[in-house]
Amino acid sequence: QVQLVESGGGLVQPGGSLRLSCAASGISFSNYAMGWYRQAPGKQREMVATIGSGDSTNYADSVKGRFTVSRDNAKNTVYLQMNSLKPEDTAVYSCNANTLFTTYWGQGTQVTVSS
């Protein structure tokens, strides 16, 4: 059974930092591209950052220079380090794992940026 479990969300003040984790099980993790996506209330889900099986990364323009995605294949975990957080970063953050043939999603973790 495939599971993606996100953790690390919470309430943080503007300018603060959070580190999200997504632990995967039931898949051959190193073969999967991993991604972080977010969905704010009333908005469509958007890509935040992705990291390929070869560690290539891609970021949304809105988070470049502030967020960093990384992976630890030994721990089957992908991370999203979020710095200089803004109120507009408030959303449910979900991770996904995908190959050409398969996509899996986690349940998501809430990130709220507010003073």
PDB file of N, CA and C in Angstrom:
ATOM      1  N   GLN A   1       0.843  -1.188   0.000  1.00  0.00           N
ATOM      2  CA  GLN A   1       0.000   0.000   0.000  1.00  0.00           C
ATOM      3  C   GLN A   1       0.887   1.250   0.000  1.00  0.00           C
ATOM      4  N   VAL A   2       0.590   2.148  -0.933  1.00  0.00           N
ATOM      5  CA  VAL A   2       1.381   3.365  -1.051  1.00  0.00           C
ATOM      6  C   VAL A   2       0.868   4.406  -0.064  1.00  0.00           C
ATOM      7  N   GLN A   3       1.805   5.038   0.641  1.00  0.00           N
ATOM      8  CA  GLN A   3       1.441   6.139   1.543  1.00  0.00           C
ATOM      9  C   GLN A   3       2.438   7.272   1.389  1.00  0.00           C
ATOM     10  N   LEU A   4       1.897   8.475   1.317  1.00  0.00           N
ATOM     11  CA  LEU A   4       2.698   9.695   1.390  1.00  0.00           C
ATOM     12  C   LEU A   4       2.152  10.486   2.567  1.00  0.00           C
ATOM     13  N   VAL A   5       2.999  10.739   3.551  1.00  0.00           N
ATOM     14  CA  VAL A   5       2.546  11.399   4.774  1.00  0.00           C
ATOM     15  C   VAL A   5       3.335  12.678   4.981  1.00  0.00           C
ATOM     16  N   GLU A   6       2.609  13.802   4.891  1.00  0.00           N
ATOM     17  CA  GLU A   6       3.246  15.106   5.090  1.00  0.00           C
ATOM     18  C   GLU A   6       3.226  15.496   6.569  1.00  0.00           C
ATOM     19  N   SER A   7       4.223  16.264   6.955  1.00  0.00           N
ATOM     20  CA  SER A   7       4.279  16.800   8.315  1.00  0.00           C
ATOM     21  C   SER A   7       5.058  18.110   8.292  1.00  0.00           C
ATOM     22  N   GLY A   8       4.945  18.859   9.388  1.00  0.00           N
ATOM     23  CA  GLY A   8       5.724  20.084   9.527  1.00  0.00           C
ATOM     24  C   GLY A   8       4.952  21.367   9.315  1.00  0.00           C
ATOM     25  N   GLY A   9       3.697  21.264   8.949  1.00  0.00           N
ATOM     26  CA  GLY A   9       2.904  22.470   8.775  1.00  0.00           C
ATOM     27  C   GLY A   9       2.565  23.116  10.106  1.00  0.00           C
ATOM     28  N   GLY A  10       1.965  24.301  10.019  1.00  0.00           N
ATOM     29  CA  GLY A  10       1.579  24.995  11.242  1.00  0.00           C
ATOM     30  C   GLY A  10       1.361  26.464  11.001  1.00  0.00           C
ATOM     31  N   LEU A  11       1.295  27.200  12.096  1.00  0.00           N
ATOM     32  CA  LEU A  11       1.099  28.643  12.059  1.00  0.00           C
ATOM     33  C   LEU A  11       2.450  29.330  12.260  1.00  0.00           C
ATOM     34  N   VAL A  12       2.765  30.272  11.398  1.00  0.00           N
ATOM     35  CA  VAL A  12       4.033  30.982  11.481  1.00  0.00           C
ATOM     36  C   VAL A  12       3.800  32.442  11.131  1.00  0.00           C
ATOM     37  N   GLN A  13       4.578  33.312  11.723  1.00  0.00           N
ATOM     38  CA  GLN A  13       4.466  34.738  11.428  1.00  0.00           C
ATOM     39  C   GLN A  13       5.122  35.068  10.092  1.00  0.00           C
ATOM     40  N   PRO A  14       4.675  36.140   9.445  1.00  0.00           N
ATOM     41  CA  PRO A  14       5.345  36.575   8.208  1.00  0.00           C
ATOM     42  C   PRO A  14       6.841  36.759   8.436  1.00  0.00           C
ATOM     43  N   GLY A  15       7.616  36.293   7.478  1.00  0.00           N
ATOM     44  CA  GLY A  15       9.066  36.335   7.599  1.00  0.00           C
ATOM     45  C   GLY A  15       9.666  35.101   8.236  1.00  0.00           C
ATOM     46  N   GLY A  16       8.827  34.255   8.781  1.00  0.00           N
ATOM     47  CA  GLY A  16       9.299  33.053   9.454  1.00  0.00           C
ATOM     48  C   GLY A  16       9.603  31.916   8.497  1.00  0.00           C
ATOM     49  N   SER A  17       9.966  30.769   9.092  1.00  0.00           N
ATOM     50  CA  SER A  17      10.358  29.601   8.304  1.00  0.00           C
ATOM     51  C   SER A  17       9.626  28.361   8.803  1.00  0.00           C
ATOM     52  N   LEU A  18       9.433  27.435   7.895  1.00  0.00           N
ATOM     53  CA  LEU A  18       8.924  26.109   8.204  1.00  0.00           C
ATOM     54  C   LEU A  18       9.627  25.102   7.299  1.00  0.00           C
ATOM     55  N   ARG A  19       9.730  23.877   7.798  1.00  0.00           N
ATOM     56  CA  ARG A  19      10.254  22.795   6.976  1.00  0.00           C
ATOM     57  C   ARG A  19       9.227  21.692   6.910  1.00  0.00           C
ATOM     58  N   LEU A  20       8.739  21.436   5.713  1.00  0.00           N
ATOM     59  CA  LEU A  20       7.783  20.354   5.497  1.00  0.00           C
ATOM     60  C   LEU A  20       8.528  19.079   5.125  1.00  0.00           C
ATOM     61  N   SER A  21       7.981  17.963   5.563  1.00  0.00           N
ATOM     62  CA  SER A  21       8.517  16.649   5.199  1.00  0.00           C
ATOM     63  C   SER A  21       7.411  15.808   4.598  1.00  0.00           C
ATOM     64  N   CYS A  22       7.772  14.937   3.700  1.00  0.00           N
ATOM     65  CA  CYS A  22       6.830  13.974   3.118  1.00  0.00           C
ATOM     66  C   CYS A  22       7.522  12.621   3.101  1.00  0.00           C
ATOM     67  N   ALA A  23       7.037  11.727   3.940  1.00  0.00           N
ATOM     68  CA  ALA A  23       7.606  10.390   4.031  1.00  0.00           C
ATOM     69  C   ALA A  23       6.805   9.428   3.169  1.00  0.00           C
ATOM     70  N   ALA A  24       7.492   8.714   2.308  1.00  0.00           N
ATOM     71  CA  ALA A  24       6.841   7.792   1.382  1.00  0.00           C
ATOM     72  C   ALA A  24       7.085   6.345   1.785  1.00  0.00           C
ATOM     73  N   SER A  25       6.093   5.519   1.558  1.00  0.00           N
ATOM     74  CA  SER A  25       6.243   4.076   1.757  1.00  0.00           C
ATOM     75  C   SER A  25       5.449   3.356   0.673  1.00  0.00           C
ATOM     76  N   GLY A  26       5.884   2.134   0.369  1.00  0.00           N
ATOM     77  CA  GLY A  26       5.167   1.341  -0.622  1.00  0.00           C
ATOM     78  C   GLY A  26       5.570   1.616  -2.053  1.00  0.00           C
ATOM     79  N   ILE A  27       6.575   2.469  -2.256  1.00  0.00           N
ATOM     80  CA  ILE A  27       7.064   2.745  -3.606  1.00  0.00           C
ATOM     81  C   ILE A  27       8.584   2.653  -3.610  1.00  0.00           C
ATOM     82  N   SER A  28       9.125   2.478  -4.799  1.00  0.00           N
ATOM     83  CA  SER A  28      10.579   2.525  -4.968  1.00  0.00           C
ATOM     84  C   SER A  28      10.946   4.003  -5.103  1.00  0.00           C
ATOM     85  N   PHE A  29      11.146   4.620  -3.955  1.00  0.00           N
ATOM     86  CA  PHE A  29      11.194   6.075  -3.851  1.00  0.00           C
ATOM     87  C   PHE A  29      12.195   6.711  -4.823  1.00  0.00           C
ATOM     88  N   SER A  30      13.361   6.146  -4.946  1.00  0.00           N
ATOM     89  CA  SER A  30      14.411   6.779  -5.753  1.00  0.00           C
ATOM     90  C   SER A  30      14.040   6.864  -7.227  1.00  0.00           C
ATOM     91  N   ASN A  31      13.068   6.083  -7.660  1.00  0.00           N
ATOM     92  CA  ASN A  31      12.655   6.085  -9.060  1.00  0.00           C
ATOM     93  C   ASN A  31      11.587   7.135  -9.370  1.00  0.00           C
ATOM     94  N   TYR A  32      11.092   7.793  -8.339  1.00  0.00           N
ATOM     95  CA  TYR A  32       9.981   8.716  -8.501  1.00  0.00           C
ATOM     96  C   TYR A  32      10.446  10.172  -8.470  1.00  0.00           C
ATOM     97  N   ALA A  33       9.866  10.971  -9.354  1.00  0.00           N
ATOM     98  CA  ALA A  33       9.942  12.411  -9.202  1.00  0.00           C
ATOM     99  C   ALA A  33       8.981  12.805  -8.089  1.00  0.00           C
ATOM    100  N   MET A  34       9.399  13.746  -7.268  1.00  0.00           N
ATOM    101  CA  MET A  34       8.576  14.183  -6.137  1.00  0.00           C
ATOM    102  C   MET A  34       8.239  15.651  -6.287  1.00  0.00           C
ATOM    103  N   GLY A  35       7.058  16.005  -5.837  1.00  0.00           N
ATOM    104  CA  GLY A  35       6.649  17.392  -5.974  1.00  0.00           C
ATOM    105  C   GLY A  35       5.884  17.883  -4.767  1.00  0.00           C
ATOM    106  N   TRP A  36       5.950  19.180  -4.570  1.00  0.00           N
ATOM    107  CA  TRP A  36       5.125  19.861  -3.569  1.00  0.00           C
ATOM    108  C   TRP A  36       4.152  20.770  -4.302  1.00  0.00           C
ATOM    109  N   TYR A  37       2.897  20.698  -3.900  1.00  0.00           N
ATOM    110  CA  TYR A  37       1.840  21.502  -4.486  1.00  0.00           C
ATOM    111  C   TYR A  37       1.082  22.167  -3.339  1.00  0.00           C
ATOM    112  N   ARG A  38       0.367  23.227  -3.648  1.00  0.00           N
ATOM    113  CA  ARG A  38      -0.423  23.877  -2.605  1.00  0.00           C
ATOM    114  C   ARG A  38      -1.756  24.353  -3.178  1.00  0.00           C
ATOM    115  N   GLN A  39      -2.724  24.427  -2.283  1.00  0.00           N
ATOM    116  CA  GLN A  39      -4.038  24.918  -2.669  1.00  0.00           C
ATOM    117  C   GLN A  39      -4.565  25.822  -1.569  1.00  0.00           C
ATOM    118  N   ALA A  40      -4.791  27.063  -1.936  1.00  0.00           N
ATOM    119  CA  ALA A  40      -5.368  28.027  -1.006  1.00  0.00           C
ATOM    120  C   ALA A  40      -6.886  28.027  -1.173  1.00  0.00           C
ATOM    121  N   PRO A  41      -7.622  28.466  -0.159  1.00  0.00           N
ATOM    122  CA  PRO A  41      -9.088  28.486  -0.256  1.00  0.00           C
ATOM    123  C   PRO A  41      -9.553  29.274  -1.476  1.00  0.00           C
ATOM    124  N   GLY A  42     -10.434  28.667  -2.250  1.00  0.00           N
ATOM    125  CA  GLY A  42     -10.991  29.342  -3.414  1.00  0.00           C
ATOM    126  C   GLY A  42     -10.078  29.417  -4.612  1.00  0.00           C
ATOM    127  N   LYS A  43      -8.910  28.771  -4.529  1.00  0.00           N
ATOM    128  CA  LYS A  43      -7.963  28.817  -5.643  1.00  0.00           C
ATOM    129  C   LYS A  43      -7.652  27.412  -6.135  1.00  0.00           C
ATOM    130  N   GLN A  44      -7.132  27.342  -7.339  1.00  0.00           N
ATOM    131  CA  GLN A  44      -6.723  26.059  -7.887  1.00  0.00           C
ATOM    132  C   GLN A  44      -5.397  25.616  -7.271  1.00  0.00           C
ATOM    133  N   ARG A  45      -5.204  24.304  -7.269  1.00  0.00           N
ATOM    134  CA  ARG A  45      -3.932  23.777  -6.806  1.00  0.00           C
ATOM    135  C   ARG A  45      -2.825  24.216  -7.755  1.00  0.00           C
ATOM    136  N   GLU A  46      -1.674  24.572  -7.190  1.00  0.00           N
ATOM    137  CA  GLU A  46      -0.556  25.009  -8.011  1.00  0.00           C
ATOM    138  C   GLU A  46       0.722  24.287  -7.592  1.00  0.00           C
ATOM    139  N   MET A  47       1.590  24.119  -8.562  1.00  0.00           N
ATOM    140  CA  MET A  47       2.896  23.527  -8.286  1.00  0.00           C
ATOM    141  C   MET A  47       3.740  24.520  -7.514  1.00  0.00           C
ATOM    142  N   VAL A  48       4.421  24.039  -6.494  1.00  0.00           N
ATOM    143  CA  VAL A  48       5.341  24.853  -5.712  1.00  0.00           C
ATOM    144  C   VAL A  48       6.782  24.525  -6.093  1.00  0.00           C
ATOM    145  N   ALA A  49       7.125  23.243  -6.034  1.00  0.00           N
ATOM    146  CA  ALA A  49       8.491  22.818  -6.330  1.00  0.00           C
ATOM    147  C   ALA A  49       8.484  21.337  -6.661  1.00  0.00           C
ATOM    148  N   THR A  50       9.375  20.949  -7.552  1.00  0.00           N
ATOM    149  CA  THR A  50       9.534  19.534  -7.877  1.00  0.00           C
ATOM    150  C   THR A  50      11.010  19.171  -7.856  1.00  0.00           C
ATOM    151  N   ILE A  51      11.264  17.893  -7.611  1.00  0.00           N
ATOM    152  CA  ILE A  51      12.631  17.373  -7.664  1.00  0.00           C
ATOM    153  C   ILE A  51      12.589  16.027  -8.349  1.00  0.00           C
ATOM    154  N   GLY A  52      13.389  15.881  -9.382  1.00  0.00           N
ATOM    155  CA  GLY A  52      13.379  14.656 -10.154  1.00  0.00           C
ATOM    156  C   GLY A  52      14.173  13.543  -9.485  1.00  0.00           C
ATOM    157  N   SER A  53      14.086  12.372 -10.094  1.00  0.00           N
ATOM    158  CA  SER A  53      14.841  11.240  -9.563  1.00  0.00           C
ATOM    159  C   SER A  53      16.339  11.481  -9.661  1.00  0.00           C
ATOM    160  N   GLY A  54      16.725  12.369 -10.563  1.00  0.00           N
ATOM    161  CA  GLY A  54      18.132  12.739 -10.696  1.00  0.00           C
ATOM    162  C   GLY A  54      18.483  14.025  -9.987  1.00  0.00           C
ATOM    163  N   ASP A  55      17.580  14.478  -9.109  1.00  0.00           N
ATOM    164  CA  ASP A  55      17.771  15.664  -8.268  1.00  0.00           C
ATOM    165  C   ASP A  55      17.643  17.000  -9.007  1.00  0.00           C
ATOM    166  N   SER A  56      17.166  16.995 -10.239  1.00  0.00           N
ATOM    167  CA  SER A  56      16.883  18.279 -10.885  1.00  0.00           C
ATOM    168  C   SER A  56      15.683  18.917 -10.197  1.00  0.00           C
ATOM    169  N   THR A  57      15.708  20.230 -10.060  1.00  0.00           N
ATOM    170  CA  THR A  57      14.650  20.921  -9.335  1.00  0.00           C
ATOM    171  C   THR A  57      13.979  21.971 -10.214  1.00  0.00           C
ATOM    172  N   ASN A  58      12.741  22.283  -9.830  1.00  0.00           N
ATOM    173  CA  ASN A  58      11.969  23.298 -10.527  1.00  0.00           C
ATOM    174  C   ASN A  58      11.096  23.996  -9.489  1.00  0.00           C
ATOM    175  N   TYR A  59      10.967  25.319  -9.617  1.00  0.00           N
ATOM    176  CA  TYR A  59      10.211  26.092  -8.639  1.00  0.00           C
ATOM    177  C   TYR A  59       9.215  27.020  -9.323  1.00  0.00           C
ATOM    178  N   ALA A  60       8.122  27.257  -8.645  1.00  0.00           N
ATOM    179  CA  ALA A  60       7.213  28.309  -9.074  1.00  0.00           C
ATOM    180  C   ALA A  60       7.920  29.644  -8.897  1.00  0.00           C
ATOM    181  N   ASP A  61       7.637  30.587  -9.787  1.00  0.00           N
ATOM    182  CA  ASP A  61       8.287  31.895  -9.712  1.00  0.00           C
ATOM    183  C   ASP A  61       8.032  32.563  -8.355  1.00  0.00           C
ATOM    184  N   SER A  62       6.866  32.321  -7.793  1.00  0.00           N
ATOM    185  CA  SER A  62       6.484  32.990  -6.555  1.00  0.00           C
ATOM    186  C   SER A  62       7.297  32.547  -5.342  1.00  0.00           C
ATOM    187  N   VAL A  63       8.005  31.414  -5.454  1.00  0.00           N
ATOM    188  CA  VAL A  63       8.760  30.901  -4.301  1.00  0.00           C
ATOM    189  C   VAL A  63      10.254  30.836  -4.558  1.00  0.00           C
ATOM    190  N   LYS A  64      10.679  31.160  -5.769  1.00  0.00           N
ATOM    191  CA  LYS A  64      12.108  31.092  -6.083  1.00  0.00           C
ATOM    192  C   LYS A  64      12.905  31.998  -5.149  1.00  0.00           C
ATOM    193  N   GLY A  65      14.005  31.446  -4.634  1.00  0.00           N
ATOM    194  CA  GLY A  65      14.839  32.202  -3.719  1.00  0.00           C
ATOM    195  C   GLY A  65      14.396  32.128  -2.273  1.00  0.00           C
ATOM    196  N   ARG A  66      13.197  31.604  -2.034  1.00  0.00           N
ATOM    197  CA  ARG A  66      12.696  31.493  -0.659  1.00  0.00           C
ATOM    198  C   ARG A  66      12.519  30.038  -0.227  1.00  0.00           C
ATOM    199  N   PHE A  67      12.125  29.179  -1.159  1.00  0.00           N
ATOM    200  CA  PHE A  67      11.863  27.768  -0.852  1.00  0.00           C
ATOM    201  C   PHE A  67      12.945  26.899  -1.473  1.00  0.00           C
ATOM    202  N   THR A  68      13.241  25.795  -0.800  1.00  0.00           N
ATOM    203  CA  THR A  68      14.200  24.825  -1.309  1.00  0.00           C
ATOM    204  C   THR A  68      13.642  23.421  -1.142  1.00  0.00           C
ATOM    205  N   VAL A  69      13.613  22.680  -2.245  1.00  0.00           N
ATOM    206  CA  VAL A  69      13.166  21.293  -2.196  1.00  0.00           C
ATOM    207  C   VAL A  69      14.383  20.380  -2.201  1.00  0.00           C
ATOM    208  N   SER A  70      14.314  19.308  -1.424  1.00  0.00           N
ATOM    209  CA  SER A  70      15.414  18.336  -1.382  1.00  0.00           C
ATOM    210  C   SER A  70      14.840  16.957  -1.090  1.00  0.00           C
ATOM    211  N   ARG A  71      15.634  15.943  -1.306  1.00  0.00           N
ATOM    212  CA  ARG A  71      15.176  14.583  -1.039  1.00  0.00           C
ATOM    213  C   ARG A  71      16.285  13.781  -0.397  1.00  0.00           C
ATOM    214  N   ASP A  72      15.890  12.801   0.404  1.00  0.00           N
ATOM    215  CA  ASP A  72      16.810  11.850   1.018  1.00  0.00           C
ATOM    216  C   ASP A  72      16.307  10.461   0.654  1.00  0.00           C
ATOM    217  N   ASN A  73      16.922   9.867  -0.339  1.00  0.00           N
ATOM    218  CA  ASN A  73      16.455   8.566  -0.815  1.00  0.00           C
ATOM    219  C   ASN A  73      16.643   7.468   0.237  1.00  0.00           C
ATOM    220  N   ALA A  74      17.626   7.628   1.120  1.00  0.00           N
ATOM    221  CA  ALA A  74      17.830   6.632   2.174  1.00  0.00           C
ATOM    222  C   ALA A  74      16.680   6.633   3.178  1.00  0.00           C
ATOM    223  N   LYS A  75      16.024   7.794   3.322  1.00  0.00           N
ATOM    224  CA  LYS A  75      14.905   7.910   4.266  1.00  0.00           C
ATOM    225  C   LYS A  75      13.549   7.942   3.560  1.00  0.00           C
ATOM    226  N   ASN A  76      13.545   7.801   2.239  1.00  0.00           N
ATOM    227  CA  ASN A  76      12.296   7.862   1.461  1.00  0.00           C
ATOM    228  C   ASN A  76      11.503   9.123   1.790  1.00  0.00           C
ATOM    229  N   THR A  77      12.192  10.246   1.865  1.00  0.00           N
ATOM    230  CA  THR A  77      11.564  11.484   2.310  1.00  0.00           C
ATOM    231  C   THR A  77      11.967  12.644   1.407  1.00  0.00           C
ATOM    232  N   VAL A  78      10.991  13.501   1.134  1.00  0.00           N
ATOM    233  CA  VAL A  78      11.242  14.742   0.412  1.00  0.00           C
ATOM    234  C   VAL A  78      10.911  15.892   1.350  1.00  0.00           C
ATOM    235  N   TYR A  79      11.685  16.965   1.245  1.00  0.00           N
ATOM    236  CA  TYR A  79      11.549  18.098   2.142  1.00  0.00           C
ATOM    237  C   TYR A  79      11.244  19.366   1.351  1.00  0.00           C
ATOM    238  N   LEU A  80      10.615  20.308   2.028  1.00  0.00           N
ATOM    239  CA  LEU A  80      10.434  21.644   1.476  1.00  0.00           C
ATOM    240  C   LEU A  80      10.789  22.636   2.575  1.00  0.00           C
ATOM    241  N   GLN A  81      11.940  23.272   2.430  1.00  0.00           N
ATOM    242  CA  GLN A  81      12.345  24.315   3.357  1.00  0.00           C
ATOM    243  C   GLN A  81      11.763  25.624   2.869  1.00  0.00           C
ATOM    244  N   MET A  82      10.973  26.264   3.719  1.00  0.00           N
ATOM    245  CA  MET A  82      10.285  27.491   3.340  1.00  0.00           C
ATOM    246  C   MET A  82      10.769  28.621   4.238  1.00  0.00           C
ATOM    247  N   ASN A  83      11.394  29.602   3.639  1.00  0.00           N
ATOM    248  CA  ASN A  83      11.909  30.766   4.368  1.00  0.00           C
ATOM    249  C   ASN A  83      11.197  32.022   3.900  1.00  0.00           C
ATOM    250  N   SER A  84      11.322  33.077   4.686  1.00  0.00           N
ATOM    251  CA  SER A  84      10.710  34.376   4.330  1.00  0.00           C
ATOM    252  C   SER A  84       9.252  34.215   3.944  1.00  0.00           C
ATOM    253  N   LEU A  85       8.524  33.499   4.762  1.00  0.00           N
ATOM    254  CA  LEU A  85       7.125  33.194   4.436  1.00  0.00           C
ATOM    255  C   LEU A  85       6.267  34.447   4.419  1.00  0.00           C
ATOM    256  N   LYS A  86       5.296  34.440   3.519  1.00  0.00           N
ATOM    257  CA  LYS A  86       4.376  35.551   3.324  1.00  0.00           C
ATOM    258  C   LYS A  86       2.947  35.068   3.564  1.00  0.00           C
ATOM    259  N   PRO A  87       2.050  35.978   3.896  1.00  0.00           N
ATOM    260  CA  PRO A  87       0.650  35.562   4.076  1.00  0.00           C
ATOM    261  C   PRO A  87       0.086  34.835   2.853  1.00  0.00           C
ATOM    262  N   GLU A  88       0.520  35.220   1.675  1.00  0.00           N
ATOM    263  CA  GLU A  88       0.026  34.565   0.467  1.00  0.00           C
ATOM    264  C   GLU A  88       0.540  33.149   0.284  1.00  0.00           C
ATOM    265  N   ASP A  89       1.447  32.710   1.133  1.00  0.00           N
ATOM    266  CA  ASP A  89       1.878  31.315   1.116  1.00  0.00           C
ATOM    267  C   ASP A  89       0.919  30.409   1.895  1.00  0.00           C
ATOM    268  N   THR A  90      -0.055  30.988   2.538  1.00  0.00           N
ATOM    269  CA  THR A  90      -1.026  30.208   3.299  1.00  0.00           C
ATOM    270  C   THR A  90      -1.807  29.276   2.376  1.00  0.00           C
ATOM    271  N   ALA A  91      -1.784  27.988   2.682  1.00  0.00           N
ATOM    272  CA  ALA A  91      -2.439  26.984   1.841  1.00  0.00           C
ATOM    273  C   ALA A  91      -2.273  25.610   2.485  1.00  0.00           C
ATOM    274  N   VAL A  92      -2.966  24.636   1.920  1.00  0.00           N
ATOM    275  CA  VAL A  92      -2.689  23.239   2.228  1.00  0.00           C
ATOM    276  C   VAL A  92      -1.614  22.764   1.256  1.00  0.00           C
ATOM    277  N   TYR A  93      -0.538  22.245   1.816  1.00  0.00           N
ATOM    278  CA  TYR A  93       0.590  21.782   1.018  1.00  0.00           C
ATOM    279  C   TYR A  93       0.556  20.259   0.936  1.00  0.00           C
ATOM    280  N   SER A  94       0.628  19.746  -0.285  1.00  0.00           N
ATOM    281  CA  SER A  94       0.588  18.301  -0.502  1.00  0.00           C
ATOM    282  C   SER A  94       1.798  17.875  -1.312  1.00  0.00           C
ATOM    283  N   CYS A  95       2.245  16.674  -1.044  1.00  0.00           N
ATOM    284  CA  CYS A  95       3.326  16.146  -1.868  1.00  0.00           C
ATOM    285  C   CYS A  95       2.772  15.104  -2.830  1.00  0.00           C
ATOM    286  N   ASN A  96       3.457  14.928  -3.934  1.00  0.00           N
ATOM    287  CA  ASN A  96       3.093  13.842  -4.834  1.00  0.00           C
ATOM    288  C   ASN A  96       4.331  13.129  -5.319  1.00  0.00           C
ATOM    289  N   ALA A  97       4.100  11.919  -5.735  1.00  0.00           N
ATOM    290  CA  ALA A  97       5.148  11.066  -6.273  1.00  0.00           C
ATOM    291  C   ALA A  97       4.688  10.594  -7.636  1.00  0.00           C
ATOM    292  N   ASN A  98       5.528  10.737  -8.637  1.00  0.00           N
ATOM    293  CA  ASN A  98       5.047  10.349  -9.953  1.00  0.00           C
ATOM    294  C   ASN A  98       6.149   9.790 -10.836  1.00  0.00           C
ATOM    295  N   THR A  99       5.706   8.888 -11.705  1.00  0.00           N
ATOM    296  CA  THR A  99       6.507   8.417 -12.818  1.00  0.00           C
ATOM    297  C   THR A  99       5.685   8.692 -14.071  1.00  0.00           C
ATOM    298  N   LEU A 100       6.105   8.176 -15.195  1.00  0.00           N
ATOM    299  CA  LEU A 100       5.332   8.337 -16.427  1.00  0.00           C
ATOM    300  C   LEU A 100       3.970   7.658 -16.329  1.00  0.00           C
ATOM    301  N   PHE A 101       3.868   6.676 -15.445  1.00  0.00           N
ATOM    302  CA  PHE A 101       2.686   5.820 -15.432  1.00  0.00           C
ATOM    303  C   PHE A 101       1.827   5.978 -14.193  1.00  0.00           C
ATOM    304  N   THR A 102       2.358   6.547 -13.153  1.00  0.00           N
ATOM    305  CA  THR A 102       1.665   6.526 -11.866  1.00  0.00           C
ATOM    306  C   THR A 102       1.857   7.839 -11.129  1.00  0.00           C
ATOM    307  N   THR A 103       0.807   8.270 -10.437  1.00  0.00           N
ATOM    308  CA  THR A 103       0.907   9.433  -9.556  1.00  0.00           C
ATOM    309  C   THR A 103       0.211   9.124  -8.244  1.00  0.00           C
ATOM    310  N   TYR A 104       0.877   9.461  -7.165  1.00  0.00           N
ATOM    311  CA  TYR A 104       0.293   9.310  -5.830  1.00  0.00           C
ATOM    312  C   TYR A 104       0.324  10.661  -5.124  1.00  0.00           C
ATOM    313  N   TRP A 105      -0.663  10.858  -4.243  1.00  0.00           N
ATOM    314  CA  TRP A 105      -0.775  12.107  -3.493  1.00  0.00           C
ATOM    315  C   TRP A 105      -0.864  11.827  -2.000  1.00  0.00           C
ATOM    316  N   GLY A 106      -0.303  12.737  -1.228  1.00  0.00           N
ATOM    317  CA  GLY A 106      -0.506  12.708   0.210  1.00  0.00           C
ATOM    318  C   GLY A 106      -1.763  13.471   0.574  1.00  0.00           C
ATOM    319  N   GLN A 107      -2.074  13.474   1.886  1.00  0.00           N
ATOM    320  CA  GLN A 107      -3.294  14.113   2.366  1.00  0.00           C
ATOM    321  C   GLN A 107      -3.139  15.624   2.518  1.00  0.00           C
ATOM    322  N   GLY A 108      -1.932  16.069   2.714  1.00  0.00           N
ATOM    323  CA  GLY A 108      -1.687  17.494   2.840  1.00  0.00           C
ATOM    324  C   GLY A 108      -1.473  17.942   4.272  1.00  0.00           C
ATOM    325  N   THR A 109      -0.806  19.092   4.408  1.00  0.00           N
ATOM    326  CA  THR A 109      -0.587  19.700   5.718  1.00  0.00           C
ATOM    327  C   THR A 109      -0.831  21.205   5.595  1.00  0.00           C
ATOM    328  N   GLN A 110      -1.497  21.759   6.583  1.00  0.00           N
ATOM    329  CA  GLN A 110      -1.882  23.168   6.528  1.00  0.00           C
ATOM    330  C   GLN A 110      -0.708  24.053   6.926  1.00  0.00           C
ATOM    331  N   VAL A 111      -0.463  25.066   6.128  1.00  0.00           N
ATOM    332  CA  VAL A 111       0.499  26.117   6.453  1.00  0.00           C
ATOM    333  C   VAL A 111      -0.258  27.440   6.500  1.00  0.00           C
ATOM    334  N   THR A 112      -0.163  28.120   7.633  1.00  0.00           N
ATOM    335  CA  THR A 112      -0.828  29.402   7.802  1.00  0.00           C
ATOM    336  C   THR A 112       0.211  30.445   8.187  1.00  0.00           C
ATOM    337  N   VAL A 113       0.283  31.497   7.394  1.00  0.00           N
ATOM    338  CA  VAL A 113       1.231  32.579   7.657  1.00  0.00           C
ATOM    339  C   VAL A 113       0.425  33.811   8.064  1.00  0.00           C
ATOM    340  N   SER A 114       0.538  34.164   9.318  1.00  0.00           N
ATOM    341  CA  SER A 114      -0.277  35.248   9.834  1.00  0.00           C
ATOM    342  C   SER A 114       0.355  35.817  11.098  1.00  0.00           C
ATOM    343  N   SER A 115       0.156  37.098  11.293  1.00  0.00           N
ATOM    344  CA  SER A 115       0.628  37.735  12.523  1.00  0.00           C
ATOM    345  C   SER A 115      -0.482  37.750  13.575  1.00  0.00           C
TER     346      SER A 115
END
